[in-house]
C-alpha atoms as a PDB file:
ATOM      1  CA  UNK A   1     152.284 120.983 137.324  1.00  0.00           C
ATOM      2  CA  UNK A   2     152.601 120.333 133.639  1.00  0.00           C
ATOM      3  CA  UNK A   3     151.862 116.645 134.178  1.00  0.00           C
ATOM      4  CA  UNK A   4     148.743 117.487 136.187  1.00  0.00           C
ATOM      5  CA  UNK A   5     147.445 119.641 133.353  1.00  0.00           C
ATOM      6  CA  UNK A   6     147.961 116.867 130.822  1.00  0.00           C
ATOM      7  CA  UNK A   7     146.095 114.390 133.022  1.00  0.00           C
ATOM      8  CA  UNK A   8     143.193 116.805 133.565  1.00  0.00           C
ATOM      9  CA  UNK A   9     143.127 117.583 129.848  1.00  0.00           C
ATOM     10  CA  UNK A  10     142.987 113.868 129.024  1.00  0.00           C
ATOM     11  CA  UNK A  11     140.220 113.331 131.583  1.00  0.00           C
ATOM     12  CA  UNK A  12     138.203 116.067 129.903  1.00  0.00           C
ATOM     13  CA  UNK A  13     138.730 114.477 126.500  1.00  0.00           C
ATOM     14  CA  UNK A  14     137.803 111.084 127.887  1.00  0.00           C
ATOM     15  CA  UNK A  15     134.612 112.538 129.382  1.00  0.00           C
ATOM     16  CA  UNK A  16     133.629 114.035 126.027  1.00  0.00           C
ATOM     17  CA  UNK A  17     134.227 110.716 124.261  1.00  0.00           C
ATOM     18  CA  UNK A  18     132.199 108.834 126.911  1.00  0.00           C
ATOM     19  CA  UNK A  19     129.351 111.327 126.611  1.00  0.00           C
ATOM     20  CA  UNK A  20     129.351 111.012 122.832  1.00  0.00           C
ATOM     21  CA  UNK A  21     129.262 107.210 123.066  1.00  0.00           C
ATOM     22  CA  UNK A  22     126.420 107.324 125.610  1.00  0.00           C
ATOM     23  CA  UNK A  23     124.321 109.663 123.453  1.00  0.00           C
ATOM     24  CA  UNK A  24     124.971 107.501 120.376  1.00  0.00           C
ATOM     25  CA  UNK A  25     123.897 104.349 122.229  1.00  0.00           C
ATOM     26  CA  UNK A  26     120.716 106.089 123.442  1.00  0.00           C
ATOM     27  CA  UNK A  27     119.849 107.196 119.898  1.00  0.00           C
ATOM     28  CA  UNK A  28     120.421 103.668 118.572  1.00  0.00           C
ATOM     29  CA  UNK A  29     118.247 102.167 121.342  1.00  0.00           C
ATOM     30  CA  UNK A  30     115.380 104.610 120.761  1.00  0.00           C
ATOM     31  CA  UNK A  31     115.523 103.965 117.017  1.00  0.00           C
ATOM     32  CA  UNK A  32     115.521 100.206 117.563  1.00  0.00           C
ATOM     33  CA  UNK A  33     112.547 100.411 119.949  1.00  0.00           C
ATOM     34  CA  UNK A  34     110.638 102.565 117.479  1.00  0.00           C
ATOM     35  CA  UNK A  35     111.321 100.114 114.642  1.00  0.00           C
ATOM     36  CA  UNK A  36     110.192  97.163 116.766  1.00  0.00           C
ATOM     37  CA  UNK A  37     107.021  99.010 117.697  1.00  0.00           C
ATOM     38  CA  UNK A  38     106.234  99.744 114.046  1.00  0.00           C
ATOM     39  CA  UNK A  39     106.781  96.167 112.924  1.00  0.00           C
ATOM     40  CA  UNK A  40     104.786  94.575 115.740  1.00  0.00           C
ATOM     41  CA  UNK A  41     101.661  96.689 115.301  1.00  0.00           C
ATOM     42  CA  UNK A  42      99.092  95.074 113.028  1.00  0.00           C
ATOM     43  CA  UNK A  43      98.265  97.128 109.937  1.00  0.00           C
ATOM     44  CA  UNK A  44      95.062  99.111 110.068  1.00  0.00           C
ATOM     45  CA  UNK A  45      92.561  97.542 107.697  1.00  0.00           C
ATOM     46  CA  UNK A  46      89.619  99.837 107.060  1.00  0.00           C
ATOM     47  CA  UNK A  47      86.219  98.181 107.190  1.00  0.00           C
ATOM     48  CA  UNK A  48      83.831  99.861 104.826  1.00  0.00           C
ATOM     49  CA  UNK A  49      81.120  97.213 105.363  1.00  0.00           C
ATOM     50  CA  UNK A  50      79.916  99.051 108.450  1.00  0.00           C
ATOM     51  CA  UNK A  51      79.948 102.430 106.716  1.00  0.00           C
ATOM     52  CA  UNK A  52      77.976 101.154 103.712  1.00  0.00           C
ATOM     53  CA  UNK A  53      75.565  99.258 105.954  1.00  0.00           C
ATOM     54  CA  UNK A  54      74.967 102.453 107.963  1.00  0.00           C
ATOM     55  CA  UNK A  55      74.258 104.283 104.691  1.00  0.00           C
ATOM     56  CA  UNK A  56      71.748 101.603 103.714  1.00  0.00           C
ATOM     57  CA  UNK A  57      70.012 101.894 107.104  1.00  0.00           C
ATOM     58  CA  UNK A  58      69.859 105.664 106.726  1.00  0.00           C
ATOM     59  CA  UNK A  59      68.427 105.355 103.213  1.00  0.00           C
ATOM     60  CA  UNK A  60      65.892 102.820 104.470  1.00  0.00           C
ATOM     61  CA  UNK A  61      64.857 104.949 107.460  1.00  0.00           C
ATOM     62  CA  UNK A  62      64.420 107.995 105.223  1.00  0.00           C
ATOM     63  CA  UNK A  63      62.189 105.904 102.885  1.00  0.00           C
ATOM     64  CA  UNK A  64      64.505 106.408  99.912  1.00  0.00           C
ATOM     65  CA  UNK A  65      64.832 102.667  99.361  1.00  0.00           C
ATOM     66  CA  UNK A  66      61.017 102.366  99.349  1.00  0.00           C
ATOM     67  CA  UNK A  67      60.828 105.101  96.730  1.00  0.00           C
ATOM     68  CA  UNK A  68      63.574 103.336  94.769  1.00  0.00           C
ATOM     69  CA  UNK A  69      61.630 100.057  94.738  1.00  0.00           C
ATOM     70  CA  UNK A  70      58.397 101.834  93.797  1.00  0.00           C
ATOM     71  CA  UNK A  71      60.208 103.636  90.967  1.00  0.00           C
ATOM     72  CA  UNK A  72      61.604 100.308  89.752  1.00  0.00           C
ATOM     73  CA  UNK A  73      58.102  98.779  89.701  1.00  0.00           C
ATOM     74  CA  UNK A  74      56.060 101.588  88.221  1.00  0.00           C
ATOM     75  CA  UNK A  75      58.208 104.678  87.771  1.00  0.00           C
ATOM     76  CA  UNK A  76      59.457 106.536  84.761  1.00  0.00           C
ATOM     77  CA  UNK A  77      63.034 106.499  83.557  1.00  0.00           C
ATOM     78  CA  UNK A  78      63.629 109.923  85.109  1.00  0.00           C
ATOM     79  CA  UNK A  79      62.329 108.783  88.511  1.00  0.00           C
ATOM     80  CA  UNK A  80      64.521 105.680  88.418  1.00  0.00           C
ATOM     81  CA  UNK A  81      67.562 107.750  87.406  1.00  0.00           C
ATOM     82  CA  UNK A  82      66.918 110.269  90.179  1.00  0.00           C
ATOM     83  CA  UNK A  83      66.700 107.519  92.810  1.00  0.00           C
ATOM     84  CA  UNK A  84      69.845 105.849  91.448  1.00  0.00           C
ATOM     85  CA  UNK A  85      71.677 109.170  91.681  1.00  0.00           C
ATOM     86  CA  UNK A  86      70.661 109.669  95.322  1.00  0.00           C
ATOM     87  CA  UNK A  87      71.672 106.137  96.318  1.00  0.00           C
ATOM     88  CA  UNK A  88      74.883 106.330  94.291  1.00  0.00           C
ATOM     89  CA  UNK A  89      75.947 109.583  95.937  1.00  0.00           C
ATOM     90  CA  UNK A  90      75.194 108.219  99.404  1.00  0.00           C
ATOM     91  CA  UNK A  91      77.263 105.057  98.903  1.00  0.00           C
ATOM     92  CA  UNK A  92      80.086 106.943  97.162  1.00  0.00           C
ATOM     93  CA  UNK A  93      80.232 109.252 100.185  1.00  0.00           C
ATOM     94  CA  UNK A  94      80.897 106.266 102.453  1.00  0.00           C
ATOM     95  CA  UNK A  95      83.838 105.080 100.349  1.00  0.00           C
ATOM     96  CA  UNK A  96      87.218 106.762  99.933  1.00  0.00           C
ATOM     97  CA  UNK A  97      88.130 108.582  96.725  1.00  0.00           C
ATOM     98  CA  UNK A  98      89.597 105.424  95.193  1.00  0.00           C
ATOM     99  CA  UNK A  99      86.496 103.348  95.991  1.00  0.00           C
ATOM    100  CA  UNK A 100      83.956 102.102  93.438  1.00  0.00           C
ATOM    101  CA  UNK A 101      80.794 100.096  93.851  1.00  0.00           C
ATOM    102  CA  UNK A 102      78.151  98.195  91.946  1.00  0.00           C
ATOM    103  CA  UNK A 103      74.589  97.695  93.162  1.00  0.00           C
ATOM    104  CA  UNK A 104      71.578  95.713  92.052  1.00  0.00           C
ATOM    105  CA  UNK A 105      68.234  94.747  93.521  1.00  0.00           C
ATOM    106  CA  UNK A 106      66.735  91.274  93.564  1.00  0.00           C
ATOM    107  CA  UNK A 107      63.036  90.492  93.996  1.00  0.00           C
ATOM    108  CA  UNK A 108      62.976  87.595  96.450  1.00  0.00           C
ATOM    109  CA  UNK A 109      59.402  86.612  95.583  1.00  0.00           C
ATOM    110  CA  UNK A 110      60.334  85.814  91.994  1.00  0.00           C
ATOM    111  CA  UNK A 111      64.061  85.263  92.689  1.00  0.00           C
ATOM    112  CA  UNK A 112      64.959  87.576  89.771  1.00  0.00           C
ATOM    113  CA  UNK A 113      67.321  90.495  89.518  1.00  0.00           C
ATOM    114  CA  UNK A 114      65.407  93.630  88.561  1.00  0.00           C
ATOM    115  CA  UNK A 115      66.930  94.745  85.248  1.00  0.00           C
ATOM    116  CA  UNK A 116      66.611  98.511  85.830  1.00  0.00           C
ATOM    117  CA  UNK A 117      68.026  98.305  89.359  1.00  0.00           C
ATOM    118  CA  UNK A 118      71.697  98.207  88.402  1.00  0.00           C
ATOM    119  CA  UNK A 119      73.884 101.110  89.500  1.00  0.00           C
ATOM    120  CA  UNK A 120      77.362 101.209  87.917  1.00  0.00           C
ATOM    121  CA  UNK A 121      76.642  98.039  85.962  1.00  0.00           C
ATOM    122  CA  UNK A 122      79.330  98.807  83.392  1.00  0.00           C
ATOM    123  CA  UNK A 123      82.170  98.907  85.916  1.00  0.00           C
ATOM    124  CA  UNK A 124      84.727  96.147  85.581  1.00  0.00           C
ATOM    125  CA  UNK A 125      85.248  94.516  88.944  1.00  0.00           C
ATOM    126  CA  UNK A 126      88.738  93.519  90.033  1.00  0.00           C
ATOM    127  CA  UNK A 127      89.589  90.068  91.364  1.00  0.00           C
ATOM    128  CA  UNK A 128      89.130  91.084  95.003  1.00  0.00           C
ATOM    129  CA  UNK A 129      85.825  92.714  95.877  1.00  0.00           C
ATOM    130  CA  UNK A 130      83.848  93.024  99.074  1.00  0.00           C
ATOM    131  CA  UNK A 131      80.096  93.020  99.289  1.00  0.00           C
ATOM    132  CA  UNK A 132      77.067  93.069 101.482  1.00  0.00           C
ATOM    133  CA  UNK A 133      73.376  92.353 101.139  1.00  0.00           C
ATOM    134  CA  UNK A 134      70.606  94.496 102.573  1.00  0.00           C
ATOM    135  CA  UNK A 135      67.207  92.880 103.045  1.00  0.00           C
ATOM    136  CA  UNK A 136      63.957  94.802 102.708  1.00  0.00           C
ATOM    137  CA  UNK A 137      60.866  92.907 103.834  1.00  0.00           C
ATOM    138  CA  UNK A 138      58.111  95.432 103.224  1.00  0.00           C
ATOM    139  CA  UNK A 139      57.460  98.366 100.948  1.00  0.00           C
ATOM    140  CA  UNK A 140      54.983 100.961 102.220  1.00  0.00           C
ATOM    141  CA  UNK A 141      53.665  98.411 104.700  1.00  0.00           C
ATOM    142  CA  UNK A 142      53.056  95.695 102.087  1.00  0.00           C
ATOM    143  CA  UNK A 143      54.987  92.442 102.101  1.00  0.00           C
ATOM    144  CA  UNK A 144      57.515  92.770  99.280  1.00  0.00           C
ATOM    145  CA  UNK A 145      60.832  91.063 100.047  1.00  0.00           C
ATOM    146  CA  UNK A 146      63.753  92.531  98.146  1.00  0.00           C
ATOM    147  CA  UNK A 147      67.480  92.153  98.545  1.00  0.00           C
ATOM    148  CA  UNK A 148      69.870  94.932  97.630  1.00  0.00           C
ATOM    149  CA  UNK A 149      73.336  93.634  96.846  1.00  0.00           C
ATOM    150  CA  UNK A 150      76.277  96.047  97.023  1.00  0.00           C
ATOM    151  CA  UNK A 151      79.750  95.111  95.797  1.00  0.00           C
ATOM    152  CA  UNK A 152      82.596  97.544  96.398  1.00  0.00           C
ATOM    153  CA  UNK A 153      86.339  97.651  95.863  1.00  0.00           C
ATOM    154  CA  UNK A 154      89.239 100.030  96.199  1.00  0.00           C
ATOM    155  CA  UNK A 155      91.370 100.912  93.182  1.00  0.00           C
ATOM    156  CA  UNK A 156      95.135 100.829  93.524  1.00  0.00           C
ATOM    157  CA  UNK A 157      95.140  98.779  96.715  1.00  0.00           C
END
């Protein structure tokens, strides 16, 4: 009887050890699968070109870009500053908190950059910047081709 108890006691201990080993192996396998999944997924690269381009379309459809070009041609300093503030806030809203941008407008008829068109001209651009150009063909129905060039970058990335 005593021998039977010892065997049953050892079987119980063996079962506990086997269960512990099985649970440990399952935890190691799940951890390994999770690590493989993390390393095989491509990193998410945000694309702010589309967001800024959508902002430019919205500004164009709401005639703000027309008013901006008119202010650059014949407006006062206050009108130009007000239009720059509106455009600057719209583009800043499309970028994350660590995003900066620079914008200027080019008259395609004369192939010159409009001097008063710069927004954030004094910013120092890093080595890696992204940019896009937005073409405006007419202003208030008149043929007046202009190109708005936006350069943006993220700080600390």
